[in-house]
Amino acid sequence: MKLNRREFLTGSLALAGGLILPAHLAGCRSDKARIYDVVIYGGTSSGIIAAVTAARKGRSTILIEPSNHLGGLTTGGLGRTDIGIEDTIRGLSLEFYRRIRDYYRVESAWIHENRMEYMEGREWRSAELFQPDSEGMFGFEPHAARHVYEQMLEEAGVTVVMEDRLILGDNGVEKNRDKIEAIRTEAGNIYRGRIFVDASYEGDLMAMAGVSYHVGREPNSKYDETINGVQKVRTRNHIFPGFVDPYQRPGVPGSGLVPGVHDEYPGDEFSEDHRVQAYCFRLCMSDIPENMIPFEKPYGYDERDYELLFRNFEAGETRIPLLIVYMPNRKTDTNNEWGFSTNQIGVNYEYPDGNYATRESIIEGQEQYQRGLMWTLANHPRIPAHIREETNKWGLAADEFTENNGWPTQIYVREARRLIGEYVMTEYDCRRMHIAPDSVGLGSYTMDSHNVQRYITEDGCVQNEGNIQESPGGPYVVSYRSLLPRRNECSNLLVCCNGVSSSHISFGSIRMEPVFMLLGQSAATAAVQSLEDGSELHDLDYQKLRAQLLRDDQMLDVDTGRYPPLEPDPEPLRQRVRHGTEPVIENGCMVRCSD
């Protein structure tokens, strides 16, 4: 069923087994004394899979989403799934991708192109997203993902409440010693439960519950890592390849900085800071004229916001600053690429701990910036003609996010609060140098951090910092204890999305949507076992949990013969990437790799 904001605001929508409600009707339906077995906050991919898991196992379950968007980034434009090693995606996570494949087996799903042309492969399709021998399909349109999630929730009989935000403050969470008893929302609803799950991108529930968490990058010394903290030397790929002057009057520091640059000291190498990965919207574009919404100049547009973009081209950049990956029906998942792109670097530091007004301001600023960027790339005379020509082939897909005129309704919160729990996942877990004995799923994707700051180098030019892409060399286990706060802080809370207990750089790998799904399943399975056995989450019989997860098709073990531990590279050596044309930073200076 297709749902939109107007429908949410005007009434309830009955499903076969459950109900999707707007916040103002939630209290009308529910007895405020009711105690749910499992209360899940956050209708992300992780939250949906957790809710479906608990409900399928016969437990009373409610899923509460603070916004009007259901499904997180998976339904929000991120159609190009960051797979890692496909065999690690099992359980309900794989079920979702199987259902996506089944969705596209139906001819009526193909409106703007021929199914067989896409499935058999075309040069403009990202080949890794669909393979004939894959069990699932990993590239899809936003509305297709939404359809599958709604179907799964309906079949499981999950009650979903939309647009019901947790009170950010002392009144948001009712606790009795180390246990959450209820959460309170701005709409006046009270949700009581036995076990609570934080599946949000922001980690609001865990923060309001008073557990320990971290925002920003830890120093390497914190967990004896090698690629955490400030990384001016290792940062590569999404940087400026030529000398780009940061001053309003080039070469004149006293003239002030152009927008998008800070004059703060970027930090000592490997040191901690408060900064988080840049956010963006993942745009779903179309090149079908009848399904395109042209990029328009936004109200309040200021070309000075794109001065760095102009100077980057004038310094020799020739590539379009967009990562365009093709989805079915001639649509895209469009992501950040190169030195100046869809990531608005350095404006989101207050987002994780910010109140709703602060976050909304950041989201609105990101939308304004990104709309302006797309218009600029398509129209501005200081943009090279071939870039304008390529950009003008595209527009927003008119049949996606119809309630918002084609613009995504979910910002990509790449990083926010991270739990400091019973076990902290680090670089060494990702490299299999540590293998936790209580696996609840596998990750495998690159340790991937987007840039976090844009600073002035010692040479007086602009540069980005924070982009790290280090392969773990294979799959690794995620510890059950990384889903748990410290026992004395909260004993009936599980965290299975952005807030997983991990260092900045290890989270760079864990943060992929398929992993969030499988952690949601494992968290809900642990919750059900805790209720059945009458045991605390921290005292759960892990062998029993493991046996159930294996029965439910989760993959928990790594073949260390095939994937031995991967020692970190002791020296950030110059690397040749992208055919030897991609620049790297060494000791604060720009160096172009060569053959």
Protein backbone atom coordinates (compact mmCIF):
# COMPACT_ATOMS: atom_id res chain seq x y z
CA MET A 1 0.00 0.00 0.00
CA LYS A 2 1.32 3.46 -0.90
CA LEU A 3 1.19 5.81 2.08
CA ASN A 4 1.87 9.52 2.17
CA ARG A 5 2.02 12.35 4.66
CA ARG A 6 -1.52 13.58 3.96
CA GLU A 7 -2.95 10.12 4.62
CA PHE A 8 -0.98 9.84 7.85
CA LEU A 9 -2.36 13.16 9.04
CA THR A 10 -5.99 12.53 8.16
CA GLY A 11 -6.60 9.10 9.58
CA SER A 12 -5.55 5.54 10.26
CA LEU A 13 -4.83 2.99 7.59
CA ALA A 14 -5.82 -0.54 8.46
CA LEU A 15 -3.62 -3.40 7.37
CA ALA A 16 -4.63 -7.04 7.32
CA GLY A 17 -2.81 -7.91 10.53
CA GLY A 18 -1.73 -4.62 11.99
CA LEU A 19 -2.28 -0.90 11.74
CA ILE A 20 -0.34 2.14 10.61
CA LEU A 21 -1.33 5.16 12.65
CA PRO A 22 -0.45 8.83 12.83
CA ALA A 23 0.67 9.98 16.26
CA HIS A 24 -2.55 11.81 17.11
CA LEU A 25 -4.54 8.58 16.81
CA ALA A 26 -2.14 6.28 18.65
CA GLY A 27 -3.38 7.24 22.08
CA CYS A 28 -6.99 6.88 20.95
CA ARG A 29 -6.46 3.24 20.11
CA SER A 30 -4.31 2.08 22.96
CA ASP A 31 -4.93 1.64 26.65
CA LYS A 32 -2.17 3.65 28.28
CA ALA A 33 -1.78 0.91 30.87
CA ARG A 34 -0.98 -1.66 28.18
CA ILE A 35 2.48 -3.14 28.39
CA TYR A 36 3.99 -4.33 25.10
CA ASP A 37 6.48 -7.15 25.07
CA VAL A 38 8.74 -5.24 22.70
CA VAL A 39 8.71 -1.49 22.01
CA ILE A 40 10.85 -0.48 19.04
CA TYR A 41 11.75 3.16 18.43
CA GLY A 42 12.81 3.92 14.87
CA GLY A 43 11.14 2.74 11.68
CA THR A 44 14.46 2.23 9.91
CA SER A 45 15.37 -0.98 8.13
CA SER A 46 16.71 -2.26 11.43
CA GLY A 47 13.53 -1.33 13.29
CA ILE A 48 11.23 -2.88 10.70
CA ILE A 49 13.10 -6.19 10.71
CA ALA A 50 13.20 -6.19 14.53
CA ALA A 51 9.45 -5.58 14.67
CA VAL A 52 8.67 -8.28 12.11
CA THR A 53 10.90 -10.75 13.95
CA ALA A 54 9.31 -10.16 17.35
CA ALA A 55 5.77 -10.24 15.95
CA ARG A 56 6.38 -13.45 13.99
CA LYS A 57 7.54 -15.03 17.23
CA GLY A 58 4.21 -14.20 18.81
CA ARG A 59 5.17 -11.18 20.91
CA SER A 60 3.09 -8.01 21.20
CA THR A 61 5.12 -5.46 19.30
CA ILE A 62 4.82 -1.79 18.45
CA LEU A 63 7.05 0.14 16.06
CA ILE A 64 7.26 3.92 16.57
CA GLU A 65 8.74 6.15 13.87
CA PRO A 66 9.34 9.82 14.77
CA SER A 67 9.04 11.10 11.18
CA ASN A 68 6.62 10.61 8.30
CA HIS A 69 9.10 8.34 6.52
CA LEU A 70 9.10 4.55 6.94
CA GLY A 71 12.11 2.42 6.04
CA GLY A 72 15.09 4.70 6.62
CA LEU A 73 17.61 4.97 3.81
CA THR A 74 16.54 1.72 2.16
CA THR A 75 13.29 3.42 1.13
CA GLY A 76 14.88 6.87 1.11
CA GLY A 77 16.91 6.69 -2.08
CA LEU A 78 19.73 4.32 -1.15
CA GLY A 79 18.86 1.73 -3.77
CA ARG A 80 22.47 0.78 -4.41
CA THR A 81 22.97 -1.62 -1.53
CA ASP A 82 26.43 -1.68 0.02
CA ILE A 83 26.68 -5.45 -0.04
CA GLY A 84 30.20 -6.31 0.96
CA ILE A 85 30.32 -10.10 0.68
CA GLU A 86 26.90 -11.25 -0.46
CA ASP A 87 27.00 -14.59 1.40
CA THR A 88 27.01 -12.76 4.75
CA ILE A 89 23.50 -11.40 4.11
CA ARG A 90 21.14 -13.99 5.54
CA GLY A 91 17.96 -14.27 7.60
CA LEU A 92 15.26 -11.64 7.20
CA SER A 93 17.78 -9.31 5.59
CA LEU A 94 18.10 -11.74 2.70
CA GLU A 95 14.34 -12.31 2.76
CA PHE A 96 13.88 -8.61 2.06
CA TYR A 97 16.22 -8.73 -0.95
CA ARG A 98 14.56 -11.92 -2.20
CA ARG A 99 11.22 -10.17 -2.06
CA ILE A 100 12.72 -7.27 -4.00
CA ARG A 101 13.78 -9.71 -6.69
CA ASP A 102 10.32 -11.24 -6.73
CA TYR A 103 8.80 -7.76 -7.01
CA TYR A 104 10.74 -7.18 -10.20
CA ARG A 105 9.77 -10.56 -11.66
CA VAL A 106 6.30 -9.11 -12.25
CA GLU A 107 6.06 -7.43 -15.64
CA SER A 108 3.81 -4.64 -14.33
CA ALA A 109 6.73 -3.37 -12.22
CA TRP A 110 8.50 -2.34 -15.44
CA ILE A 111 7.08 0.94 -16.67
CA HIS A 112 9.96 2.93 -18.14
CA GLU A 113 12.06 0.14 -19.61
CA ASN A 114 12.02 -3.51 -20.57
CA ARG A 115 12.56 -6.01 -17.76
CA MET A 116 14.74 -8.36 -19.77
CA GLU A 117 17.04 -5.56 -20.93
CA TYR A 118 17.75 -4.65 -17.33
CA MET A 119 17.97 -8.18 -15.97
CA GLU A 120 20.25 -9.39 -18.76
CA GLY A 121 22.54 -6.45 -18.25
CA ARG A 122 23.07 -3.11 -19.92
CA GLU A 123 26.19 -1.04 -19.85
CA TRP A 124 24.53 1.68 -17.78
CA ARG A 125 23.38 -0.73 -15.04
CA SER A 126 25.54 -1.38 -11.98
CA ALA A 127 26.23 -5.06 -12.61
CA GLU A 128 26.96 -6.06 -9.01
CA LEU A 129 23.41 -5.18 -7.93
CA PHE A 130 21.87 -8.02 -9.89
CA GLN A 131 23.53 -11.31 -10.72
CA PRO A 132 21.71 -14.29 -12.22
CA ASP A 133 22.98 -16.59 -9.44
CA SER A 134 22.16 -14.18 -6.59
CA GLU A 135 19.35 -15.10 -4.23
CA GLY A 136 18.36 -11.48 -3.85
CA MET A 137 18.38 -8.28 -5.84
CA PHE A 138 20.36 -5.39 -4.40
CA GLY A 139 19.41 -2.45 -6.62
CA PHE A 140 15.86 -1.09 -6.50
CA GLU A 141 13.57 1.92 -6.60
CA PRO A 142 12.52 3.58 -3.32
CA HIS A 143 8.83 2.74 -3.74
CA ALA A 144 9.65 -0.93 -4.33
CA ALA A 145 11.48 -1.14 -1.01
CA ARG A 146 8.59 0.63 0.71
CA HIS A 147 6.12 -1.86 -0.80
CA VAL A 148 8.11 -4.85 0.46
CA TYR A 149 8.49 -3.45 3.98
CA GLU A 150 4.78 -2.63 4.24
CA GLN A 151 4.00 -6.15 3.07
CA MET A 152 6.26 -7.70 5.71
CA LEU A 153 4.80 -5.53 8.49
CA GLU A 154 1.26 -6.30 7.39
CA GLU A 155 1.83 -10.05 7.28
CA ALA A 156 3.41 -10.01 10.75
CA GLY A 157 0.59 -7.91 12.23
CA VAL A 158 2.85 -5.14 13.52
CA THR A 159 1.26 -1.91 14.74
CA VAL A 160 3.22 1.04 13.37
CA VAL A 161 2.86 4.57 14.71
CA MET A 162 4.15 7.38 12.51
CA GLU A 163 5.24 10.93 13.34
CA ASP A 164 5.46 10.34 17.09
CA ARG A 165 8.67 11.82 18.47
CA LEU A 166 10.25 10.96 21.77
CA ILE A 167 10.45 13.86 24.21
CA LEU A 168 14.10 14.91 24.25
CA GLY A 169 14.67 15.54 27.91
CA ASP A 170 14.17 14.11 31.37
CA ASN A 171 10.50 13.32 30.68
CA GLY A 172 11.17 11.24 27.58
CA VAL A 173 12.04 7.99 29.33
CA GLU A 174 10.51 6.57 32.51
CA LYS A 175 13.07 4.44 34.33
CA ASN A 176 13.01 2.40 37.50
CA ARG A 177 16.60 1.86 38.53
CA ASP A 178 18.23 0.11 35.56
CA LYS A 179 15.03 -0.60 33.62
CA ILE A 180 13.02 1.46 31.18
CA GLU A 181 9.33 1.23 32.02
CA ALA A 182 7.90 3.58 29.41
CA ILE A 183 8.73 6.21 26.83
CA ARG A 184 6.78 9.45 26.33
CA THR A 185 6.27 11.32 23.09
CA GLU A 186 5.49 14.88 22.13
CA ALA A 187 2.03 13.79 20.98
CA GLY A 188 1.20 12.81 24.57
CA ASN A 189 1.47 9.06 24.04
CA ILE A 190 2.99 6.72 26.59
CA TYR A 191 4.38 3.38 25.43
CA ARG A 192 5.06 0.85 28.16
CA GLY A 193 7.12 -2.22 27.51
CA ARG A 194 9.16 -5.06 28.91
CA ILE A 195 12.03 -4.70 26.47
CA PHE A 196 12.92 -1.66 24.38
CA VAL A 197 14.89 -1.47 21.14
CA ASP A 198 16.56 1.68 19.81
CA ALA A 199 16.58 1.29 16.04
CA SER A 200 16.83 5.00 15.23
CA TYR A 201 19.61 6.71 13.30
CA GLU A 202 20.03 9.34 16.02
CA GLY A 203 20.12 7.09 19.10
CA ASP A 204 17.59 9.25 20.94
CA LEU A 205 16.10 6.45 23.03
CA MET A 206 19.43 5.25 24.34
CA ALA A 207 20.56 8.81 25.06
CA MET A 208 17.37 9.69 26.95
CA ALA A 209 17.74 6.42 28.88
CA GLY A 210 20.99 7.79 30.30
CA VAL A 211 23.44 5.27 28.87
CA SER A 212 27.01 6.08 27.89
CA TYR A 213 27.63 7.05 24.30
CA HIS A 214 30.14 8.85 22.09
CA VAL A 215 29.87 11.44 19.32
CA GLY A 216 32.79 12.09 16.98
CA ARG A 217 36.06 10.30 16.36
CA GLU A 218 38.07 8.62 19.08
CA PRO A 219 41.86 9.00 19.07
CA ASN A 220 43.79 6.01 17.79
CA SER A 221 45.13 5.56 21.30
CA LYS A 222 41.65 4.95 22.77
CA TYR A 223 41.34 1.44 21.37
CA ASP A 224 44.89 1.07 20.01
CA GLU A 225 43.63 1.55 16.44
CA THR A 226 45.47 2.82 13.37
CA ILE A 227 42.79 4.53 11.23
CA ASN A 228 40.68 6.41 13.77
CA GLY A 229 40.88 10.08 14.71
CA VAL A 230 42.09 12.86 12.43
CA GLN A 231 43.56 11.36 9.24
CA LYS A 232 45.16 14.08 7.11
CA VAL A 233 47.76 11.65 5.76
CA ARG A 234 45.52 8.73 4.83
CA THR A 235 42.56 10.74 3.51
CA ARG A 236 42.14 10.05 -0.18
CA ASN A 237 39.63 9.73 -3.03
CA HIS A 238 37.08 12.47 -2.28
CA ILE A 239 39.49 15.39 -2.15
CA PHE A 240 40.49 18.38 -4.27
CA PRO A 241 42.98 17.27 -6.95
CA GLY A 242 44.37 20.74 -7.65
CA PHE A 243 45.23 23.92 -5.75
CA VAL A 244 41.93 25.54 -4.71
CA ASP A 245 42.27 28.88 -2.97
CA PRO A 246 40.08 29.27 0.17
CA TYR A 247 39.94 33.07 0.29
CA GLN A 248 37.28 35.37 -1.11
CA ARG A 249 40.04 37.29 -2.84
CA PRO A 250 42.45 34.59 -3.97
CA GLY A 251 45.75 34.79 -2.16
CA VAL A 252 44.49 37.38 0.35
CA PRO A 253 43.82 35.74 3.75
CA GLY A 254 42.44 38.96 5.18
CA SER A 255 39.60 38.97 2.65
CA GLY A 256 37.74 36.19 4.47
CA LEU A 257 36.94 32.61 3.60
CA VAL A 258 34.63 31.38 0.88
CA PRO A 259 31.65 29.36 2.20
CA GLY A 260 32.32 25.77 3.14
CA VAL A 261 35.82 26.16 4.62
CA HIS A 262 36.78 26.50 8.26
CA ASP A 263 39.94 28.13 9.56
CA GLU A 264 40.18 25.95 12.66
CA TYR A 265 43.25 23.82 13.27
CA PRO A 266 42.22 20.44 11.80
CA GLY A 267 43.75 18.54 14.68
CA ASP A 268 46.88 16.51 15.27
CA GLU A 269 47.20 13.31 13.30
CA PHE A 270 45.22 10.47 14.95
CA SER A 271 43.72 12.78 17.59
CA GLU A 272 40.08 12.77 18.68
CA ASP A 273 37.55 15.36 17.65
CA HIS A 274 33.84 16.16 17.82
CA ARG A 275 33.23 15.85 14.09
CA VAL A 276 31.00 13.32 12.30
CA GLN A 277 30.73 12.13 8.71
CA ALA A 278 28.99 14.51 6.32
CA TYR A 279 25.34 13.87 5.44
CA CYS A 280 23.46 14.15 2.16
CA PHE A 281 20.25 13.13 0.42
CA ARG A 282 20.48 10.14 -1.92
CA LEU A 283 18.68 11.47 -4.99
CA CYS A 284 16.52 9.24 -7.15
CA MET A 285 16.83 10.69 -10.64
CA SER A 286 15.30 9.74 -13.98
CA ASP A 287 16.34 10.34 -17.58
CA ILE A 288 12.85 9.62 -18.96
CA PRO A 289 11.47 13.02 -20.06
CA GLU A 290 7.89 12.25 -19.02
CA ASN A 291 9.12 11.16 -15.57
CA MET A 292 11.57 14.00 -14.87
CA ILE A 293 11.21 17.00 -12.59
CA PRO A 294 13.86 19.48 -13.81
CA PHE A 295 16.33 20.89 -11.32
CA GLU A 296 15.16 24.36 -10.37
CA LYS A 297 17.04 27.21 -8.77
CA PRO A 298 15.91 27.18 -5.12
CA TYR A 299 14.55 30.27 -3.43
CA GLY A 300 17.40 32.07 -1.69
CA TYR A 301 20.04 30.61 -3.99
CA ASP A 302 23.47 32.18 -3.52
CA GLU A 303 26.13 31.27 -6.06
CA ARG A 304 28.84 32.07 -3.49
CA ASP A 305 27.94 28.78 -1.78
CA TYR A 306 29.43 27.02 -4.82
CA GLU A 307 32.59 29.08 -5.27
CA LEU A 308 34.72 26.10 -4.25
CA LEU A 309 33.00 24.04 -6.93
CA PHE A 310 33.81 26.62 -9.59
CA ARG A 311 37.42 26.93 -8.45
CA ASN A 312 37.79 23.16 -8.38
CA PHE A 313 36.87 22.96 -12.07
CA GLU A 314 39.10 25.92 -12.84
CA ALA A 315 41.96 24.11 -11.07
CA GLY A 316 41.68 21.18 -13.46
CA GLU A 317 38.86 18.91 -12.26
CA THR A 318 37.10 17.30 -15.24
CA ARG A 319 34.78 14.73 -13.62
CA ILE A 320 31.10 15.13 -12.81
CA PRO A 321 30.89 15.31 -9.00
CA LEU A 322 28.08 12.76 -8.67
CA LEU A 323 28.18 9.01 -8.15
CA ILE A 324 25.30 7.92 -10.38
CA VAL A 325 24.29 4.25 -10.12
CA TYR A 326 21.42 3.02 -12.23
CA MET A 327 18.31 1.43 -10.79
CA PRO A 328 15.37 -0.27 -12.55
CA ASN A 329 13.06 1.85 -14.71
CA ARG A 330 15.91 4.13 -15.74
CA LYS A 331 16.30 5.70 -12.33
CA THR A 332 19.34 6.26 -10.14
CA ASP A 333 20.74 6.21 -6.68
CA THR A 334 22.87 9.37 -6.72
CA ASN A 335 25.56 9.78 -4.09
CA ASN A 336 28.50 12.02 -3.21
CA GLU A 337 31.62 11.86 -5.38
CA TRP A 338 34.97 13.70 -5.51
CA GLY A 339 36.05 16.90 -3.78
CA PHE A 340 32.90 19.04 -3.86
CA SER A 341 29.64 17.17 -4.20
CA THR A 342 26.37 16.35 -2.43
CA ASN A 343 27.95 16.06 1.02
CA GLN A 344 27.82 19.44 2.73
CA ILE A 345 30.91 19.02 4.85
CA GLY A 346 31.19 20.53 8.31
CA VAL A 347 27.63 21.68 9.00
CA ASN A 348 26.21 18.69 10.90
CA TYR A 349 28.30 18.54 14.07
CA GLU A 350 25.37 19.62 16.25
CA TYR A 351 22.94 17.14 14.71
CA PRO A 352 23.52 14.05 16.94
CA ASP A 353 22.87 15.81 20.26
CA GLY A 354 20.71 18.56 18.80
CA ASN A 355 17.06 19.15 19.59
CA TYR A 356 14.46 18.74 16.87
CA ALA A 357 14.67 22.40 15.81
CA THR A 358 18.45 22.17 15.44
CA ARG A 359 18.19 19.02 13.37
CA GLU A 360 15.43 20.40 11.18
CA SER A 361 17.56 23.47 10.48
CA ILE A 362 20.47 21.24 9.41
CA ILE A 363 18.17 19.12 7.22
CA GLU A 364 16.67 22.20 5.57
CA GLY A 365 20.15 23.62 5.01
CA GLN A 366 21.30 20.39 3.41
CA GLU A 367 18.28 20.35 1.10
CA GLN A 368 18.83 23.98 0.10
CA TYR A 369 22.51 23.29 -0.57
CA GLN A 370 21.87 20.14 -2.58
CA ARG A 371 19.04 21.62 -4.65
CA GLY A 372 21.30 24.56 -5.41
CA LEU A 373 24.16 22.23 -6.31
CA MET A 374 22.06 20.33 -8.85
CA TRP A 375 20.81 23.55 -10.47
CA THR A 376 24.37 24.89 -10.56
CA LEU A 377 25.77 21.76 -12.21
CA ALA A 378 23.03 21.93 -14.83
CA ASN A 379 23.03 25.66 -15.57
CA HIS A 380 25.82 27.85 -14.24
CA PRO A 381 28.19 29.26 -16.90
CA ARG A 382 31.26 28.58 -14.71
CA ILE A 383 30.52 24.86 -14.89
CA PRO A 384 32.21 23.12 -17.84
CA ALA A 385 29.87 22.52 -20.78
CA HIS A 386 30.22 18.72 -20.69
CA ILE A 387 29.21 18.67 -17.00
CA ARG A 388 26.16 20.83 -17.70
CA GLU A 389 25.22 18.62 -20.61
CA GLU A 390 25.46 15.44 -18.53
CA THR A 391 23.54 16.89 -15.57
CA ASN A 392 20.76 18.15 -17.82
CA LYS A 393 20.03 14.59 -18.90
CA TRP A 394 18.55 14.07 -15.45
CA GLY A 395 15.79 15.29 -13.20
CA LEU A 396 14.16 14.08 -10.02
CA ALA A 397 12.05 10.97 -10.60
CA ALA A 398 8.47 12.29 -10.60
CA ASP A 399 6.97 8.99 -9.43
CA GLU A 400 9.13 8.74 -6.29
CA PHE A 401 8.55 10.68 -3.06
CA THR A 402 5.39 12.06 -4.59
CA GLU A 403 4.37 13.60 -1.28
CA ASN A 404 7.50 15.78 -1.51
CA ASN A 405 7.57 16.52 -5.26
CA GLY A 406 10.31 14.00 -5.93
CA TRP A 407 12.71 15.05 -3.17
CA PRO A 408 13.74 12.33 -0.66
CA THR A 409 12.13 12.55 2.77
CA GLN A 410 15.03 10.93 4.66
CA ILE A 411 18.42 12.57 5.07
CA TYR A 412 21.39 10.21 5.17
CA VAL A 413 22.48 10.31 8.81
CA ARG A 414 25.74 8.49 8.25
CA GLU A 415 26.85 8.77 11.86
CA ALA A 416 25.44 10.18 15.08
CA ARG A 417 25.60 8.85 18.62
CA ARG A 418 27.33 5.52 19.22
CA LEU A 419 26.77 3.46 22.34
CA ILE A 420 29.65 2.72 24.69
CA GLY A 421 28.33 -0.65 25.72
CA GLU A 422 29.35 -3.98 27.15
CA TYR A 423 31.61 -4.55 24.14
CA VAL A 424 33.00 -1.93 21.76
CA MET A 425 33.60 -3.06 18.19
CA THR A 426 36.92 -1.73 16.85
CA GLU A 427 39.13 -1.88 13.80
CA TYR A 428 40.58 -5.14 15.14
CA ASP A 429 37.17 -6.82 15.14
CA CYS A 430 36.69 -5.82 11.51
CA ARG A 431 40.12 -7.21 10.66
CA ARG A 432 39.34 -10.51 12.53
CA MET A 433 42.30 -9.92 14.85
CA HIS A 434 39.65 -10.02 17.58
CA ILE A 435 36.77 -12.46 17.11
CA ALA A 436 34.06 -12.05 19.72
CA PRO A 437 32.64 -15.37 21.01
CA ASP A 438 29.01 -14.15 20.91
CA SER A 439 28.36 -13.43 17.23
CA VAL A 440 24.90 -12.19 16.22
CA GLY A 441 25.73 -11.57 12.56
CA LEU A 442 28.45 -10.71 10.10
CA GLY A 443 29.65 -7.51 8.53
CA SER A 444 32.01 -7.38 5.55
CA TYR A 445 31.90 -3.96 3.91
CA THR A 446 34.87 -1.62 3.72
CA MET A 447 35.60 0.50 6.80
CA ASP A 448 34.18 3.55 5.10
CA SER A 449 34.15 7.05 6.54
CA HIS A 450 33.09 10.04 4.47
CA ASN A 451 34.88 13.35 4.98
CA VAL A 452 34.26 15.21 8.21
CA GLN A 453 35.94 18.57 7.68
CA ARG A 454 37.23 20.99 5.02
CA TYR A 455 40.26 22.91 6.19
CA ILE A 456 43.20 25.02 4.96
CA THR A 457 46.46 23.15 4.51
CA GLU A 458 49.89 24.46 5.44
CA ASP A 459 50.31 25.27 1.74
CA GLY A 460 47.30 27.58 1.91
CA CYS A 461 44.83 25.59 -0.15
CA VAL A 462 41.50 23.91 0.60
CA GLN A 463 41.40 20.24 1.41
CA ASN A 464 38.93 17.66 2.74
CA GLU A 465 39.76 15.35 5.61
CA GLY A 466 38.25 12.20 7.02
CA ASN A 467 37.60 9.98 4.01
CA ILE A 468 38.92 6.53 4.85
CA GLN A 469 38.22 3.39 2.85
CA GLU A 470 40.00 0.35 4.24
CA SER A 471 38.96 -3.17 3.34
CA PRO A 472 38.60 -5.61 6.25
CA GLY A 473 39.72 -8.36 3.87
CA GLY A 474 36.66 -10.49 4.49
CA PRO A 475 33.71 -10.94 6.84
CA TYR A 476 33.84 -10.42 10.59
CA VAL A 477 31.51 -11.09 13.53
CA VAL A 478 29.45 -8.50 15.38
CA SER A 479 29.27 -9.17 19.11
CA TYR A 480 25.92 -9.53 20.89
CA ARG A 481 27.35 -7.39 23.69
CA SER A 482 27.80 -4.49 21.25
CA LEU A 483 23.98 -4.23 21.23
CA LEU A 484 23.84 -3.89 25.02
CA PRO A 485 24.40 -0.82 27.22
CA ARG A 486 26.48 -1.36 30.30
CA ARG A 487 24.50 -3.53 32.69
CA ASN A 488 24.29 -0.97 35.48
CA GLU A 489 23.07 1.74 33.07
CA CYS A 490 20.16 -0.09 31.44
CA SER A 491 19.27 -3.78 31.48
CA ASN A 492 16.24 -3.95 29.16
CA LEU A 493 17.47 -1.99 26.13
CA LEU A 494 18.96 -3.25 22.87
CA VAL A 495 20.58 -0.97 20.27
CA CYS A 496 20.72 -2.26 16.70
CA CYS A 497 21.12 0.63 14.27
CA ASN A 498 23.46 3.65 14.16
CA GLY A 499 23.98 3.44 17.90
CA VAL A 500 25.74 0.05 17.92
CA SER A 501 28.65 0.09 20.37
CA SER A 502 31.63 0.69 18.10
CA SER A 503 34.50 3.01 17.35
CA HIS A 504 34.16 5.55 14.58
CA ILE A 505 36.16 3.56 12.06
CA SER A 506 34.63 0.15 12.78
CA PHE A 507 31.18 1.70 12.58
CA GLY A 508 32.18 2.82 9.09
CA SER A 509 31.75 -0.81 8.07
CA ILE A 510 28.91 -1.85 10.38
CA ARG A 511 26.70 1.06 9.23
CA MET A 512 25.45 -0.67 6.07
CA GLU A 513 21.70 -1.27 5.71
CA PRO A 514 21.88 -5.10 5.34
CA VAL A 515 23.88 -5.27 8.58
CA PHE A 516 21.34 -3.06 10.35
CA MET A 517 18.64 -5.49 9.21
CA LEU A 518 20.39 -8.59 10.49
CA LEU A 519 21.22 -6.88 13.80
CA GLY A 520 17.54 -5.92 14.11
CA GLN A 521 16.60 -9.57 13.71
CA SER A 522 19.18 -10.70 16.26
CA ALA A 523 18.16 -8.02 18.77
CA ALA A 524 14.50 -9.00 18.54
CA THR A 525 15.35 -12.68 18.83
CA ALA A 526 17.33 -11.94 21.99
CA ALA A 527 14.41 -9.91 23.35
CA VAL A 528 11.99 -12.79 22.77
CA GLN A 529 14.36 -15.30 24.38
CA SER A 530 14.77 -13.02 27.40
CA LEU A 531 11.00 -12.85 27.81
CA GLU A 532 10.54 -16.58 27.36
CA ASP A 533 13.29 -17.54 29.79
CA GLY A 534 12.67 -14.80 32.33
CA SER A 535 16.35 -13.86 32.12
CA GLU A 536 18.03 -10.49 31.85
CA LEU A 537 19.39 -9.53 28.45
CA HIS A 538 22.87 -9.42 29.94
CA ASP A 539 22.51 -12.97 31.32
CA LEU A 540 21.06 -14.57 28.22
CA ASP A 541 22.10 -18.11 27.38
CA TYR A 542 24.13 -17.27 24.30
CA GLN A 543 24.30 -20.86 23.05
CA LYS A 544 20.51 -20.98 23.00
CA LEU A 545 20.37 -17.62 21.19
CA ARG A 546 22.96 -18.83 18.70
CA ALA A 547 21.02 -22.01 17.99
CA GLN A 548 17.84 -20.01 17.30
CA LEU A 549 19.61 -17.54 15.05
CA LEU A 550 21.08 -20.39 13.03
CA ARG A 551 17.64 -21.97 12.71
CA ASP A 552 16.42 -18.61 11.46
CA ASP A 553 19.09 -18.63 8.73
CA GLN A 554 21.48 -16.11 10.24
CA MET A 555 25.17 -16.57 9.45
CA LEU A 556 27.36 -16.26 12.53
CA ASP A 557 30.80 -17.70 11.81
CA VAL A 558 33.82 -16.69 9.76
CA ASP A 559 36.06 -19.14 7.94
CA THR A 560 39.42 -17.83 9.14
CA GLY A 561 41.19 -20.29 6.85
CA ARG A 562 39.66 -18.51 3.89
CA TYR A 563 39.67 -15.10 5.56
CA PRO A 564 42.67 -14.90 7.93
CA PRO A 565 43.22 -11.91 10.19
CA LEU A 566 44.29 -8.81 8.27
CA GLU A 567 47.10 -6.87 9.89
CA PRO A 568 46.85 -3.08 9.50
CA ASP A 569 49.29 -1.42 7.14
CA PRO A 570 51.85 0.23 9.44
CA GLU A 571 52.54 3.00 6.96
CA PRO A 572 49.98 5.06 4.99
CA LEU A 573 51.76 4.34 1.71
CA ARG A 574 50.88 6.15 -1.48
CA GLN A 575 48.26 4.14 -3.30
CA ARG A 576 47.26 3.98 -6.90
CA VAL A 577 43.48 4.13 -7.20
CA ARG A 578 40.97 4.72 -9.97
CA HIS A 579 43.42 4.03 -12.81
CA GLY A 580 46.20 6.02 -11.23
CA THR A 581 44.46 9.37 -11.52
CA GLU A 582 43.15 9.86 -8.00
CA PRO A 583 45.13 12.22 -5.76
CA VAL A 584 46.06 11.47 -2.19
CA ILE A 585 47.20 13.59 0.73
CA GLU A 586 50.59 12.99 2.24
CA ASN A 587 51.81 15.15 5.10
CA GLY A 588 49.22 17.79 4.27
CA CYS A 589 50.32 18.12 0.63
CA MET A 590 48.46 17.06 -2.48
CA VAL A 591 50.13 14.30 -4.46
CA ARG A 592 48.75 12.84 -7.67
CA CYS A 593 49.30 9.10 -7.93
CA SER A 594 51.07 7.87 -11.00
CA ASP A 595 51.92 4.60 -12.62
